[in-house]
Amino acid sequence: MAAELKPAVYLLHEQTDQWTTKGAQPSWIVVRTGVEPASIVSAVRQAIWSVDKDEPVWRVQTLEDIVHAQLATPRQSTALMNAFAVLALLLASLGIYGVLSYAVMQRTHEIGVRMALGASSGQILLSFGRRGLALTLTGLGIGLVLTAIASRSLSALLYGFRPDYVGTVTAVSLILLAVAAMACSVPARLASRVDPVVALRNE
């Protein structure tokens, strides 16, 4: 979590001797400009050297550079969380595909019996597709409820996170539904093409 903002005081250069040790001067100045900051760096150096030619001028930074450096750690944390989220989506997709496809392949005998009794390939695909998608929709429903609960707390932990997650949830749900449909349809289609006699004989 980012550190809380602390009080700050901005002073004129002439007033700094009231706030620092005797003889010490601030090691930085702030310049406000209406043009590109990089274009006036040389002019600022010349202005400083016109007052004190021995004054070193180094580490010139824009406000954007300073903000970027301060947000580097939260930004990296967010990128790491995104990488873990993509990995979790991949593992969930592989898990759904593996479990559903294995369940369908285990029912090859049932497919053979149903085909022997006159069921068509389309009916078998529709039946297994409904079962697999029903399980997937149940899991997605539970996941959406947990997502809604967890999203509020995540806004305080992740930089740039907003509770408006409809687009992301929709995309992830569609991906998982597509994976589940493929997991059900591919092995069921392969099993439906097997000769019912062969399927029953194997059992």
N, C-alpha and C. Protein backbone atom coordinates (compact mmCIF):
# COMPACT_ATOMS: atom_id res chain seq x y z
N MET A 1 0.84 -1.18 0.00
CA MET A 1 0.00 0.00 0.00
C MET A 1 0.89 1.24 0.00
N ALA A 2 0.50 2.25 -0.76
CA ALA A 2 1.31 3.45 -0.87
C ALA A 2 1.33 4.22 0.45
N ALA A 3 2.44 4.91 0.69
CA ALA A 3 2.57 5.68 1.92
C ALA A 3 1.62 6.87 1.88
N GLU A 4 1.16 7.28 3.04
CA GLU A 4 0.24 8.41 3.12
C GLU A 4 0.98 9.71 2.81
N LEU A 5 0.23 10.67 2.26
CA LEU A 5 0.82 11.96 1.95
C LEU A 5 1.19 12.70 3.24
N LYS A 6 2.31 13.38 3.21
CA LYS A 6 2.78 14.13 4.36
C LYS A 6 2.69 15.62 4.07
N PRO A 7 2.55 16.43 5.11
CA PRO A 7 2.48 17.88 4.90
C PRO A 7 3.76 18.40 4.23
N ALA A 8 3.63 19.42 3.40
CA ALA A 8 4.77 20.00 2.70
C ALA A 8 4.63 21.52 2.70
N VAL A 9 5.77 22.21 2.71
CA VAL A 9 5.80 23.66 2.69
C VAL A 9 6.69 24.10 1.53
N TYR A 10 6.20 25.00 0.70
CA TYR A 10 6.97 25.54 -0.41
C TYR A 10 7.40 26.97 -0.06
N LEU A 11 8.69 27.23 -0.19
CA LEU A 11 9.26 28.51 0.19
C LEU A 11 9.99 29.15 -0.98
N LEU A 12 10.11 30.45 -0.91
CA LEU A 12 10.97 31.15 -1.85
C LEU A 12 12.43 30.85 -1.51
N HIS A 13 13.29 30.97 -2.49
CA HIS A 13 14.69 30.67 -2.27
C HIS A 13 15.28 31.57 -1.18
N GLU A 14 14.81 32.82 -1.12
CA GLU A 14 15.35 33.75 -0.13
C GLU A 14 14.92 33.41 1.29
N GLN A 15 13.88 32.62 1.46
CA GLN A 15 13.38 32.31 2.79
C GLN A 15 13.97 31.03 3.37
N THR A 16 14.75 30.32 2.59
CA THR A 16 15.21 29.01 3.06
C THR A 16 16.18 29.10 4.21
N ASP A 17 16.84 30.23 4.40
CA ASP A 17 17.78 30.33 5.50
C ASP A 17 17.06 30.32 6.85
N GLN A 18 15.75 30.51 6.87
CA GLN A 18 14.99 30.46 8.10
C GLN A 18 14.64 29.02 8.50
N TRP A 19 14.79 28.10 7.54
CA TRP A 19 14.36 26.72 7.78
C TRP A 19 15.51 25.73 7.75
N THR A 20 16.68 26.17 7.35
CA THR A 20 17.82 25.26 7.27
C THR A 20 18.90 25.72 8.22
N THR A 21 19.89 24.87 8.38
CA THR A 21 21.02 25.24 9.23
C THR A 21 21.76 26.42 8.63
N LYS A 22 22.47 27.13 9.45
CA LYS A 22 23.15 28.34 9.00
C LYS A 22 24.14 28.02 7.90
N GLY A 23 24.00 28.74 6.83
CA GLY A 23 24.92 28.58 5.71
C GLY A 23 24.50 27.50 4.73
N ALA A 24 23.54 26.67 5.11
CA ALA A 24 23.10 25.61 4.20
C ALA A 24 22.02 26.14 3.28
N GLN A 25 22.05 25.74 2.06
CA GLN A 25 21.09 26.17 1.05
C GLN A 25 20.44 24.93 0.44
N PRO A 26 19.24 25.07 -0.04
CA PRO A 26 18.57 23.91 -0.64
C PRO A 26 19.32 23.43 -1.87
N SER A 27 19.26 22.15 -2.08
CA SER A 27 19.99 21.56 -3.20
C SER A 27 19.11 21.36 -4.42
N TRP A 28 17.93 21.99 -4.42
CA TRP A 28 17.04 21.83 -5.56
C TRP A 28 16.20 23.10 -5.76
N ILE A 29 15.76 23.30 -6.95
CA ILE A 29 14.83 24.38 -7.27
C ILE A 29 13.76 23.81 -8.20
N VAL A 30 12.62 24.46 -8.23
CA VAL A 30 11.50 24.05 -9.08
C VAL A 30 11.23 25.16 -10.07
N VAL A 31 11.14 24.81 -11.34
CA VAL A 31 10.90 25.78 -12.40
C VAL A 31 9.60 25.41 -13.10
N ARG A 32 8.72 26.37 -13.19
CA ARG A 32 7.45 26.18 -13.89
C ARG A 32 7.56 26.81 -15.28
N THR A 33 7.16 26.04 -16.28
CA THR A 33 7.30 26.51 -17.65
C THR A 33 6.07 26.13 -18.47
N GLY A 34 5.79 26.93 -19.47
CA GLY A 34 4.68 26.64 -20.36
C GLY A 34 5.12 25.94 -21.63
N VAL A 35 6.41 25.67 -21.76
CA VAL A 35 6.94 24.99 -22.95
C VAL A 35 7.49 23.65 -22.53
N GLU A 36 8.06 22.91 -23.49
CA GLU A 36 8.67 21.62 -23.20
C GLU A 36 9.82 21.80 -22.20
N PRO A 37 9.78 21.11 -21.05
CA PRO A 37 10.82 21.33 -20.02
C PRO A 37 12.23 21.10 -20.53
N ALA A 38 12.42 20.10 -21.39
CA ALA A 38 13.77 19.81 -21.87
C ALA A 38 14.36 20.97 -22.67
N SER A 39 13.51 21.81 -23.23
CA SER A 39 14.00 22.90 -24.07
C SER A 39 14.57 24.07 -23.28
N ILE A 40 14.32 24.12 -21.97
CA ILE A 40 14.82 25.26 -21.17
C ILE A 40 15.87 24.84 -20.17
N VAL A 41 16.32 23.60 -20.23
CA VAL A 41 17.33 23.14 -19.27
C VAL A 41 18.60 23.98 -19.40
N SER A 42 19.04 24.22 -20.62
CA SER A 42 20.25 25.02 -20.82
C SER A 42 20.08 26.44 -20.32
N ALA A 43 18.92 27.02 -20.54
CA ALA A 43 18.68 28.38 -20.07
C ALA A 43 18.66 28.45 -18.55
N VAL A 44 18.11 27.44 -17.90
CA VAL A 44 18.09 27.41 -16.45
C VAL A 44 19.51 27.29 -15.89
N ARG A 45 20.31 26.43 -16.55
CA ARG A 45 21.71 26.30 -16.10
C ARG A 45 22.43 27.64 -16.21
N GLN A 46 22.23 28.32 -17.32
CA GLN A 46 22.91 29.60 -17.52
C GLN A 46 22.46 30.64 -16.50
N ALA A 47 21.16 30.60 -16.14
CA ALA A 47 20.66 31.55 -15.15
C ALA A 47 21.26 31.28 -13.78
N ILE A 48 21.41 30.00 -13.43
CA ILE A 48 22.01 29.65 -12.14
C ILE A 48 23.49 30.02 -12.13
N TRP A 49 24.17 29.72 -13.22
CA TRP A 49 25.61 30.02 -13.28
C TRP A 49 25.87 31.52 -13.34
N SER A 50 24.89 32.30 -13.79
CA SER A 50 25.08 33.75 -13.79
C SER A 50 25.10 34.31 -12.37
N VAL A 51 24.49 33.56 -11.44
CA VAL A 51 24.51 33.96 -10.03
C VAL A 51 25.72 33.36 -9.33
N ASP A 52 25.98 32.08 -9.61
CA ASP A 52 27.11 31.39 -8.99
C ASP A 52 27.65 30.40 -10.02
N LYS A 53 28.78 30.75 -10.60
CA LYS A 53 29.33 29.92 -11.66
C LYS A 53 29.86 28.58 -11.16
N ASP A 54 30.07 28.47 -9.85
CA ASP A 54 30.58 27.22 -9.29
C ASP A 54 29.46 26.28 -8.81
N GLU A 55 28.23 26.71 -8.97
CA GLU A 55 27.10 25.89 -8.50
C GLU A 55 26.85 24.74 -9.48
N PRO A 56 26.95 23.48 -9.01
CA PRO A 56 26.69 22.35 -9.93
C PRO A 56 25.20 22.20 -10.19
N VAL A 57 24.88 21.87 -11.40
CA VAL A 57 23.49 21.62 -11.79
C VAL A 57 23.42 20.20 -12.33
N TRP A 58 22.75 19.33 -11.61
CA TRP A 58 22.70 17.93 -12.00
C TRP A 58 21.32 17.36 -11.67
N ARG A 59 21.06 16.20 -12.17
CA ARG A 59 19.81 15.48 -11.95
C ARG A 59 18.60 16.36 -12.26
N VAL A 60 18.56 16.84 -13.46
CA VAL A 60 17.40 17.62 -13.91
C VAL A 60 16.26 16.65 -14.25
N GLN A 61 15.13 16.83 -13.60
CA GLN A 61 13.98 15.95 -13.79
C GLN A 61 12.71 16.75 -13.99
N THR A 62 11.81 16.19 -14.81
CA THR A 62 10.50 16.80 -14.94
C THR A 62 9.57 16.22 -13.87
N LEU A 63 8.45 16.89 -13.67
CA LEU A 63 7.48 16.40 -12.69
C LEU A 63 6.96 15.03 -13.10
N GLU A 64 6.81 14.81 -14.40
CA GLU A 64 6.35 13.50 -14.89
C GLU A 64 7.35 12.41 -14.54
N ASP A 65 8.65 12.72 -14.64
CA ASP A 65 9.68 11.73 -14.28
C ASP A 65 9.62 11.39 -12.80
N ILE A 66 9.39 12.38 -11.96
CA ILE A 66 9.34 12.15 -10.52
C ILE A 66 8.12 11.30 -10.16
N VAL A 67 6.97 11.63 -10.75
CA VAL A 67 5.76 10.86 -10.49
C VAL A 67 5.92 9.43 -10.99
N HIS A 68 6.54 9.30 -12.18
CA HIS A 68 6.75 7.96 -12.74
C HIS A 68 7.63 7.12 -11.82
N ALA A 69 8.68 7.73 -11.25
CA ALA A 69 9.56 6.99 -10.35
C ALA A 69 8.84 6.60 -9.06
N GLN A 70 7.99 7.50 -8.54
CA GLN A 70 7.28 7.20 -7.31
C GLN A 70 6.24 6.10 -7.50
N LEU A 71 5.69 6.00 -8.70
CA LEU A 71 4.67 4.99 -8.98
C LEU A 71 5.25 3.72 -9.58
N ALA A 72 6.58 3.65 -9.68
CA ALA A 72 7.19 2.47 -10.31
C ALA A 72 6.85 1.19 -9.55
N THR A 73 6.98 1.22 -8.23
CA THR A 73 6.70 0.01 -7.44
C THR A 73 5.23 -0.41 -7.52
N PRO A 74 4.27 0.51 -7.32
CA PRO A 74 2.87 0.09 -7.50
C PRO A 74 2.57 -0.41 -8.91
N ARG A 75 3.21 0.22 -9.91
CA ARG A 75 2.96 -0.20 -11.29
C ARG A 75 3.52 -1.60 -11.54
N GLN A 76 4.70 -1.88 -10.99
CA GLN A 76 5.27 -3.22 -11.13
C GLN A 76 4.43 -4.26 -10.40
N SER A 77 3.89 -3.88 -9.24
CA SER A 77 3.02 -4.81 -8.51
C SER A 77 1.77 -5.12 -9.32
N THR A 78 1.22 -4.10 -9.96
CA THR A 78 0.04 -4.31 -10.79
C THR A 78 0.35 -5.20 -11.99
N ALA A 79 1.51 -4.97 -12.62
CA ALA A 79 1.90 -5.80 -13.75
C ALA A 79 2.10 -7.26 -13.31
N LEU A 80 2.68 -7.44 -12.12
CA LEU A 80 2.87 -8.80 -11.61
C LEU A 80 1.53 -9.47 -11.33
N MET A 81 0.60 -8.72 -10.77
CA MET A 81 -0.73 -9.27 -10.51
C MET A 81 -1.44 -9.62 -11.82
N ASN A 82 -1.26 -8.79 -12.84
CA ASN A 82 -1.86 -9.09 -14.14
C ASN A 82 -1.27 -10.38 -14.72
N ALA A 83 0.05 -10.56 -14.56
CA ALA A 83 0.68 -11.78 -15.06
C ALA A 83 0.14 -13.01 -14.35
N PHE A 84 -0.02 -12.90 -13.02
CA PHE A 84 -0.58 -14.02 -12.26
C PHE A 84 -2.04 -14.27 -12.66
N ALA A 85 -2.77 -13.19 -12.96
CA ALA A 85 -4.17 -13.36 -13.37
C ALA A 85 -4.26 -14.09 -14.70
N VAL A 86 -3.38 -13.74 -15.66
CA VAL A 86 -3.37 -14.43 -16.95
C VAL A 86 -2.98 -15.90 -16.75
N LEU A 87 -2.00 -16.15 -15.89
CA LEU A 87 -1.60 -17.53 -15.60
C LEU A 87 -2.75 -18.31 -14.96
N ALA A 88 -3.47 -17.66 -14.04
CA ALA A 88 -4.61 -18.32 -13.40
C ALA A 88 -5.69 -18.63 -14.41
N LEU A 89 -5.92 -17.71 -15.35
CA LEU A 89 -6.92 -17.97 -16.40
C LEU A 89 -6.50 -19.14 -17.28
N LEU A 90 -5.21 -19.21 -17.60
CA LEU A 90 -4.71 -20.32 -18.41
C LEU A 90 -4.87 -21.64 -17.68
N LEU A 91 -4.49 -21.66 -16.39
CA LEU A 91 -4.62 -22.89 -15.62
C LEU A 91 -6.08 -23.30 -15.44
N ALA A 92 -6.95 -22.30 -15.24
CA ALA A 92 -8.37 -22.62 -15.12
C ALA A 92 -8.92 -23.19 -16.42
N SER A 93 -8.47 -22.63 -17.54
CA SER A 93 -8.92 -23.13 -18.84
C SER A 93 -8.45 -24.57 -19.06
N LEU A 94 -7.17 -24.83 -18.75
CA LEU A 94 -6.65 -26.19 -18.90
C LEU A 94 -7.36 -27.15 -17.95
N GLY A 95 -7.64 -26.68 -16.74
CA GLY A 95 -8.33 -27.54 -15.78
C GLY A 95 -9.73 -27.89 -16.23
N ILE A 96 -10.45 -26.88 -16.70
CA ILE A 96 -11.82 -27.13 -17.19
C ILE A 96 -11.79 -28.09 -18.37
N TYR A 97 -10.89 -27.84 -19.30
CA TYR A 97 -10.82 -28.71 -20.48
C TYR A 97 -10.46 -30.14 -20.08
N GLY A 98 -9.48 -30.29 -19.20
CA GLY A 98 -9.05 -31.63 -18.81
C GLY A 98 -10.13 -32.40 -18.07
N VAL A 99 -10.80 -31.74 -17.11
CA VAL A 99 -11.82 -32.43 -16.32
C VAL A 99 -13.02 -32.82 -17.17
N LEU A 100 -13.51 -31.87 -17.97
CA LEU A 100 -14.71 -32.16 -18.77
C LEU A 100 -14.43 -33.17 -19.88
N SER A 101 -13.28 -33.01 -20.53
CA SER A 101 -12.97 -33.96 -21.60
C SER A 101 -12.76 -35.36 -21.05
N TYR A 102 -12.15 -35.46 -19.87
CA TYR A 102 -11.96 -36.78 -19.25
C TYR A 102 -13.32 -37.39 -18.87
N ALA A 103 -14.21 -36.55 -18.35
CA ALA A 103 -15.53 -37.04 -17.97
C ALA A 103 -16.30 -37.56 -19.18
N VAL A 104 -16.15 -36.85 -20.32
CA VAL A 104 -16.84 -37.30 -21.53
C VAL A 104 -16.24 -38.60 -22.05
N MET A 105 -14.93 -38.68 -22.04
CA MET A 105 -14.27 -39.90 -22.54
C MET A 105 -14.60 -41.10 -21.65
N GLN A 106 -14.81 -40.86 -20.36
CA GLN A 106 -15.18 -41.96 -19.47
C GLN A 106 -16.57 -42.51 -19.78
N ARG A 107 -17.35 -41.72 -20.51
CA ARG A 107 -18.72 -42.14 -20.82
C ARG A 107 -18.84 -42.61 -22.27
N THR A 108 -17.73 -43.08 -22.83
CA THR A 108 -17.77 -43.60 -24.19
C THR A 108 -18.75 -44.78 -24.31
N HIS A 109 -18.80 -45.62 -23.27
CA HIS A 109 -19.72 -46.75 -23.27
C HIS A 109 -21.17 -46.26 -23.37
N GLU A 110 -21.47 -45.21 -22.59
CA GLU A 110 -22.83 -44.65 -22.63
C GLU A 110 -23.14 -44.10 -24.02
N ILE A 111 -22.16 -43.44 -24.63
CA ILE A 111 -22.37 -42.90 -25.97
C ILE A 111 -22.66 -44.04 -26.95
N GLY A 112 -21.90 -45.14 -26.81
CA GLY A 112 -22.13 -46.28 -27.69
C GLY A 112 -23.53 -46.85 -27.52
N VAL A 113 -24.00 -46.97 -26.27
CA VAL A 113 -25.35 -47.49 -26.01
C VAL A 113 -26.41 -46.58 -26.61
N ARG A 114 -26.22 -45.27 -26.41
CA ARG A 114 -27.22 -44.33 -26.92
C ARG A 114 -27.25 -44.31 -28.44
N MET A 115 -26.08 -44.46 -29.05
CA MET A 115 -26.06 -44.51 -30.51
C MET A 115 -26.67 -45.82 -31.01
N ALA A 116 -26.44 -46.89 -30.28
CA ALA A 116 -27.05 -48.17 -30.67
C ALA A 116 -28.57 -48.12 -30.57
N LEU A 117 -29.07 -47.26 -29.67
CA LEU A 117 -30.52 -47.12 -29.52
C LEU A 117 -31.11 -46.07 -30.44
N GLY A 118 -30.25 -45.49 -31.29
CA GLY A 118 -30.76 -44.57 -32.31
C GLY A 118 -30.45 -43.11 -32.09
N ALA A 119 -29.67 -42.75 -31.07
CA ALA A 119 -29.33 -41.34 -30.86
C ALA A 119 -28.37 -40.87 -31.94
N SER A 120 -28.57 -39.63 -32.39
CA SER A 120 -27.70 -39.07 -33.42
C SER A 120 -26.50 -38.38 -32.78
N SER A 121 -25.50 -38.06 -33.62
CA SER A 121 -24.31 -37.37 -33.11
C SER A 121 -24.67 -35.99 -32.56
N GLY A 122 -25.60 -35.32 -33.23
CA GLY A 122 -26.01 -34.00 -32.76
C GLY A 122 -26.68 -34.05 -31.40
N GLN A 123 -27.51 -35.05 -31.17
CA GLN A 123 -28.16 -35.19 -29.87
C GLN A 123 -27.15 -35.47 -28.76
N ILE A 124 -26.15 -36.29 -29.07
CA ILE A 124 -25.11 -36.59 -28.07
C ILE A 124 -24.31 -35.35 -27.75
N LEU A 125 -23.92 -34.61 -28.77
CA LEU A 125 -23.16 -33.39 -28.55
C LEU A 125 -23.96 -32.39 -27.73
N LEU A 126 -25.26 -32.25 -28.04
CA LEU A 126 -26.11 -31.30 -27.31
C LEU A 126 -26.26 -31.72 -25.86
N SER A 127 -26.40 -33.01 -25.61
CA SER A 127 -26.57 -33.51 -24.25
C SER A 127 -25.34 -33.26 -23.40
N PHE A 128 -24.17 -33.63 -23.93
CA PHE A 128 -22.94 -33.43 -23.16
C PHE A 128 -22.58 -31.96 -23.06
N GLY A 129 -22.92 -31.21 -24.08
CA GLY A 129 -22.65 -29.77 -24.03
C GLY A 129 -23.45 -29.09 -22.94
N ARG A 130 -24.73 -29.46 -22.79
CA ARG A 130 -25.56 -28.88 -21.74
C ARG A 130 -25.02 -29.21 -20.35
N ARG A 131 -24.59 -30.46 -20.18
CA ARG A 131 -24.08 -30.86 -18.86
C ARG A 131 -22.80 -30.10 -18.51
N GLY A 132 -21.90 -30.04 -19.47
CA GLY A 132 -20.63 -29.35 -19.20
C GLY A 132 -20.82 -27.87 -18.97
N LEU A 133 -21.68 -27.23 -19.78
CA LEU A 133 -21.90 -25.80 -19.62
C LEU A 133 -22.67 -25.50 -18.33
N ALA A 134 -23.52 -26.42 -17.91
CA ALA A 134 -24.23 -26.21 -16.64
C ALA A 134 -23.24 -26.16 -15.48
N LEU A 135 -22.28 -27.06 -15.48
CA LEU A 135 -21.25 -27.04 -14.43
C LEU A 135 -20.41 -25.77 -14.51
N THR A 136 -20.08 -25.38 -15.74
CA THR A 136 -19.28 -24.17 -15.91
C THR A 136 -20.03 -22.93 -15.46
N LEU A 137 -21.29 -22.82 -15.81
CA LEU A 137 -22.09 -21.66 -15.40
C LEU A 137 -22.24 -21.61 -13.89
N THR A 138 -22.36 -22.76 -13.25
CA THR A 138 -22.43 -22.78 -11.79
C THR A 138 -21.14 -22.24 -11.17
N GLY A 139 -20.00 -22.70 -11.70
CA GLY A 139 -18.72 -22.19 -11.21
C GLY A 139 -18.54 -20.71 -11.48
N LEU A 140 -18.98 -20.25 -12.66
CA LEU A 140 -18.88 -18.83 -12.98
C LEU A 140 -19.76 -17.99 -12.06
N GLY A 141 -20.94 -18.51 -11.74
CA GLY A 141 -21.82 -17.77 -10.83
C GLY A 141 -21.19 -17.58 -9.46
N ILE A 142 -20.59 -18.64 -8.95
CA ILE A 142 -19.90 -18.54 -7.66
C ILE A 142 -18.72 -17.57 -7.75
N GLY A 143 -17.98 -17.67 -8.86
CA GLY A 143 -16.84 -16.78 -9.05
C GLY A 143 -17.24 -15.32 -9.16
N LEU A 144 -18.37 -15.02 -9.81
CA LEU A 144 -18.82 -13.63 -9.96
C LEU A 144 -19.21 -13.05 -8.60
N VAL A 145 -19.85 -13.86 -7.77
CA VAL A 145 -20.22 -13.37 -6.44
C VAL A 145 -18.96 -13.05 -5.62
N LEU A 146 -17.97 -13.95 -5.66
CA LEU A 146 -16.73 -13.71 -4.93
C LEU A 146 -15.96 -12.52 -5.50
N THR A 147 -16.02 -12.34 -6.82
CA THR A 147 -15.36 -11.20 -7.46
C THR A 147 -15.96 -9.89 -6.99
N ALA A 148 -17.29 -9.83 -6.93
CA ALA A 148 -17.96 -8.61 -6.48
C ALA A 148 -17.58 -8.28 -5.05
N ILE A 149 -17.41 -9.30 -4.22
CA ILE A 149 -17.04 -9.07 -2.82
C ILE A 149 -15.59 -8.60 -2.69
N ALA A 150 -14.70 -9.23 -3.49
CA ALA A 150 -13.27 -8.94 -3.36
C ALA A 150 -12.85 -7.66 -4.07
N SER A 151 -13.63 -7.19 -5.04
CA SER A 151 -13.20 -6.05 -5.85
C SER A 151 -13.04 -4.78 -5.01
N ARG A 152 -13.86 -4.62 -3.99
CA ARG A 152 -13.78 -3.41 -3.18
C ARG A 152 -12.47 -3.33 -2.40
N SER A 153 -12.03 -4.46 -1.86
CA SER A 153 -10.78 -4.45 -1.10
C SER A 153 -9.57 -4.33 -2.01
N LEU A 154 -9.68 -4.83 -3.26
CA LEU A 154 -8.55 -4.74 -4.18
C LEU A 154 -8.26 -3.31 -4.60
N SER A 155 -9.27 -2.45 -4.59
CA SER A 155 -9.06 -1.06 -5.00
C SER A 155 -8.07 -0.35 -4.08
N ALA A 156 -7.93 -0.82 -2.85
CA ALA A 156 -6.98 -0.21 -1.91
C ALA A 156 -5.60 -0.84 -1.99
N LEU A 157 -5.47 -1.96 -2.68
CA LEU A 157 -4.19 -2.68 -2.74
C LEU A 157 -3.47 -2.51 -4.07
N LEU A 158 -4.20 -2.35 -5.17
CA LEU A 158 -3.60 -2.30 -6.50
C LEU A 158 -3.71 -0.91 -7.08
N TYR A 159 -2.59 -0.41 -7.60
CA TYR A 159 -2.57 0.91 -8.20
C TYR A 159 -3.38 0.92 -9.49
N GLY A 160 -4.27 1.90 -9.63
CA GLY A 160 -5.05 2.05 -10.84
C GLY A 160 -6.24 1.11 -10.94
N PHE A 161 -6.51 0.31 -9.90
CA PHE A 161 -7.64 -0.62 -9.96
C PHE A 161 -8.92 0.11 -9.65
N ARG A 162 -9.95 -0.16 -10.46
CA ARG A 162 -11.26 0.42 -10.23
C ARG A 162 -12.29 -0.70 -10.18
N PRO A 163 -13.32 -0.54 -9.33
CA PRO A 163 -14.33 -1.59 -9.21
C PRO A 163 -15.13 -1.83 -10.49
N ASP A 164 -15.03 -0.96 -11.48
CA ASP A 164 -15.76 -1.14 -12.73
C ASP A 164 -15.06 -2.23 -13.55
N TYR A 165 -15.41 -3.48 -13.30
CA TYR A 165 -14.73 -4.62 -13.88
C TYR A 165 -15.62 -5.40 -14.83
N VAL A 166 -16.69 -4.78 -15.33
CA VAL A 166 -17.67 -5.49 -16.16
C VAL A 166 -17.00 -6.04 -17.42
N GLY A 167 -16.19 -5.24 -18.07
CA GLY A 167 -15.54 -5.68 -19.30
C GLY A 167 -14.63 -6.88 -19.09
N THR A 168 -13.82 -6.81 -18.02
CA THR A 168 -12.89 -7.90 -17.73
C THR A 168 -13.63 -9.18 -17.37
N VAL A 169 -14.64 -9.06 -16.52
CA VAL A 169 -15.41 -10.24 -16.12
C VAL A 169 -16.11 -10.86 -17.32
N THR A 170 -16.65 -10.01 -18.19
CA THR A 170 -17.33 -10.53 -19.38
C THR A 170 -16.36 -11.29 -20.27
N ALA A 171 -15.17 -10.71 -20.50
CA ALA A 171 -14.19 -11.37 -21.36
C ALA A 171 -13.74 -12.70 -20.77
N VAL A 172 -13.44 -12.72 -19.47
CA VAL A 172 -12.99 -13.96 -18.83
C VAL A 172 -14.09 -15.01 -18.86
N SER A 173 -15.34 -14.60 -18.61
CA SER A 173 -16.45 -15.55 -18.63
C SER A 173 -16.63 -16.15 -20.01
N LEU A 174 -16.52 -15.32 -21.05
CA LEU A 174 -16.66 -15.84 -22.41
C LEU A 174 -15.54 -16.81 -22.76
N ILE A 175 -14.32 -16.50 -22.30
CA ILE A 175 -13.20 -17.41 -22.57
C ILE A 175 -13.43 -18.76 -21.90
N LEU A 176 -13.84 -18.74 -20.63
CA LEU A 176 -14.07 -19.99 -19.90
C LEU A 176 -15.24 -20.77 -20.50
N LEU A 177 -16.27 -20.07 -20.94
CA LEU A 177 -17.40 -20.75 -21.58
C LEU A 177 -16.96 -21.41 -22.89
N ALA A 178 -16.12 -20.69 -23.65
CA ALA A 178 -15.62 -21.26 -24.90
C ALA A 178 -14.76 -22.49 -24.64
N VAL A 179 -13.91 -22.41 -23.61
CA VAL A 179 -13.07 -23.57 -23.27
C VAL A 179 -13.93 -24.74 -22.82
N ALA A 180 -14.96 -24.46 -22.01
CA ALA A 180 -15.85 -25.54 -21.55
C ALA A 180 -16.60 -26.16 -22.73
N ALA A 181 -17.06 -25.33 -23.65
CA ALA A 181 -17.77 -25.87 -24.81
C ALA A 181 -16.85 -26.76 -25.65
N MET A 182 -15.59 -26.32 -25.81
CA MET A 182 -14.63 -27.12 -26.56
C MET A 182 -14.31 -28.42 -25.83
N ALA A 183 -14.19 -28.33 -24.50
CA ALA A 183 -13.86 -29.52 -23.71
C ALA A 183 -14.96 -30.57 -23.81
N CYS A 184 -16.20 -30.12 -23.94
CA CYS A 184 -17.31 -31.06 -24.05
C CYS A 184 -17.49 -31.57 -25.48
N SER A 185 -17.35 -30.66 -26.44
CA SER A 185 -17.70 -31.01 -27.81
C SER A 185 -16.64 -31.88 -28.48
N VAL A 186 -15.35 -31.56 -28.26
CA VAL A 186 -14.30 -32.28 -28.97
C VAL A 186 -14.28 -33.77 -28.61
N PRO A 187 -14.19 -34.17 -27.33
CA PRO A 187 -14.19 -35.61 -27.03
C PRO A 187 -15.53 -36.27 -27.34
N ALA A 188 -16.64 -35.53 -27.15
CA ALA A 188 -17.94 -36.12 -27.47
C ALA A 188 -18.07 -36.37 -28.97
N ARG A 189 -17.57 -35.44 -29.76
CA ARG A 189 -17.62 -35.63 -31.21
C ARG A 189 -16.76 -36.83 -31.62
N LEU A 190 -15.57 -36.96 -31.01
CA LEU A 190 -14.72 -38.10 -31.33
C LEU A 190 -15.39 -39.42 -30.92
N ALA A 191 -16.00 -39.41 -29.72
CA ALA A 191 -16.65 -40.63 -29.26
C ALA A 191 -17.88 -40.97 -30.10
N SER A 192 -18.59 -39.92 -30.58
CA SER A 192 -19.79 -40.18 -31.36
C SER A 192 -19.47 -40.77 -32.73
N ARG A 193 -18.24 -40.65 -33.16
CA ARG A 193 -17.84 -41.20 -34.45
C ARG A 193 -17.38 -42.65 -34.34
N VAL A 194 -17.26 -43.14 -33.11
CA VAL A 194 -16.83 -44.52 -32.90
C VAL A 194 -18.00 -45.46 -33.21
N ASP A 195 -17.68 -46.58 -33.80
CA ASP A 195 -18.69 -47.59 -34.08
C ASP A 195 -19.29 -48.07 -32.76
N PRO A 196 -20.64 -48.00 -32.57
CA PRO A 196 -21.24 -48.45 -31.32
C PRO A 196 -20.83 -49.85 -30.92
N VAL A 197 -20.65 -50.74 -31.88
CA VAL A 197 -20.25 -52.11 -31.57
C VAL A 197 -18.86 -52.12 -30.94
N VAL A 198 -17.96 -51.32 -31.49
CA VAL A 198 -16.60 -51.24 -30.95
C VAL A 198 -16.62 -50.64 -29.54
N ALA A 199 -17.43 -49.58 -29.35
CA ALA A 199 -17.50 -48.95 -28.04
C ALA A 199 -18.04 -49.88 -26.98
N LEU A 200 -19.05 -50.66 -27.35
CA LEU A 200 -19.62 -51.61 -26.38
C LEU A 200 -18.68 -52.78 -26.15
N ARG A 201 -17.96 -53.20 -27.18
CA ARG A 201 -17.03 -54.33 -27.04
C ARG A 201 -15.88 -53.98 -26.11
N ASN A 202 -15.43 -52.71 -26.17
CA ASN A 202 -14.31 -52.28 -25.32
C ASN A 202 -14.68 -52.33 -23.84
N GLU A 203 -15.94 -52.23 -23.55
CA GLU A 203 -16.39 -52.28 -22.16
C GLU A 203 -16.59 -53.72 -21.69
